[in-house]
Amino acid sequence: MVEISNFYTTPVTFNDQGLPVSSKEGHGFGVQSIAAFCKKHGAVCQFEAAEGRFCLKLVL
């Protein structure tokens, strides 16, 4: 299991699959890559944003 977190100052938006999305051009490719990796290797990832902290949890 890996957990990575950092602070954020702008609102984080999630799609209906629980993945964070960005309205900025050229952003969001990292999340798509992580989701593709998880699907390919049977891993599970979860993204959360609460109280100013963004967190990615990945279980392989």
Protein backbone atom coordinates (compact mmCIF):
# COMPACT_ATOMS: atom_id res chain seq x y z
CA MET A 1 0.00 0.00 0.00
CA VAL A 2 1.17 3.50 -0.82
CA GLU A 3 -0.34 6.71 0.47
CA ILE A 4 0.68 10.09 -0.89
CA SER A 5 -0.80 13.36 0.32
CA ASN A 6 -0.24 17.06 -0.07
CA PHE A 7 -2.04 20.29 0.67
CA TYR A 8 -4.29 22.11 -1.79
CA THR A 9 -5.77 25.60 -1.88
CA THR A 10 -8.18 25.44 -4.82
CA PRO A 11 -11.32 23.24 -4.80
CA VAL A 12 -10.87 19.65 -6.01
CA THR A 13 -13.56 18.21 -8.29
CA PHE A 14 -14.21 14.48 -8.74
CA ASN A 15 -15.98 12.66 -11.57
CA ASP A 16 -18.62 9.95 -11.07
CA GLN A 17 -15.85 7.32 -10.83
CA GLY A 18 -14.17 9.10 -7.92
CA LEU A 19 -11.25 10.40 -9.96
CA PRO A 20 -10.16 14.03 -9.57
CA VAL A 21 -10.60 16.12 -12.70
CA SER A 22 -8.99 19.36 -13.78
CA SER A 23 -10.39 22.09 -15.99
CA LYS A 24 -6.88 23.36 -16.76
CA GLU A 25 -5.49 22.45 -20.16
CA GLY A 26 -2.67 19.93 -19.98
CA HIS A 27 -3.56 18.72 -16.47
CA GLY A 28 -5.03 15.39 -15.31
CA PHE A 29 -2.78 13.01 -17.25
CA GLY A 30 -1.17 11.71 -14.07
CA VAL A 31 -4.51 10.59 -12.64
CA GLN A 32 -5.41 8.89 -15.92
CA SER A 33 -2.07 7.07 -15.90
CA ILE A 34 -2.55 5.91 -12.30
CA ALA A 35 -6.08 4.66 -13.07
CA ALA A 36 -4.83 2.81 -16.18
CA PHE A 37 -2.01 1.20 -14.17
CA CYS A 38 -4.47 0.04 -11.52
CA LYS A 39 -6.82 -1.45 -14.10
CA LYS A 40 -3.98 -3.25 -15.89
CA HIS A 41 -2.40 -4.70 -12.73
CA GLY A 42 -5.49 -5.33 -10.60
CA ALA A 43 -4.60 -2.59 -8.15
CA VAL A 44 -7.04 -0.30 -6.36
CA CYS A 45 -6.68 3.46 -6.00
CA GLN A 46 -8.68 5.98 -4.04
CA PHE A 47 -8.47 9.76 -4.16
CA GLU A 48 -9.73 12.00 -1.35
CA ALA A 49 -9.76 15.70 -0.65
CA ALA A 50 -10.72 16.97 2.78
CA GLU A 51 -9.69 19.73 5.16
CA GLY A 52 -7.13 21.12 2.72
CA ARG A 53 -5.33 17.83 2.15
CA PHE A 54 -5.42 15.80 -1.08
CA CYS A 55 -4.65 12.10 -0.67
CA LEU A 56 -4.02 9.18 -3.03
CA LYS A 57 -4.15 5.65 -1.65
CA LEU A 58 -3.00 2.80 -3.87
CA VAL A 59 -3.07 -0.90 -3.02
CA LEU A 60 -1.28 -3.35 -5.30
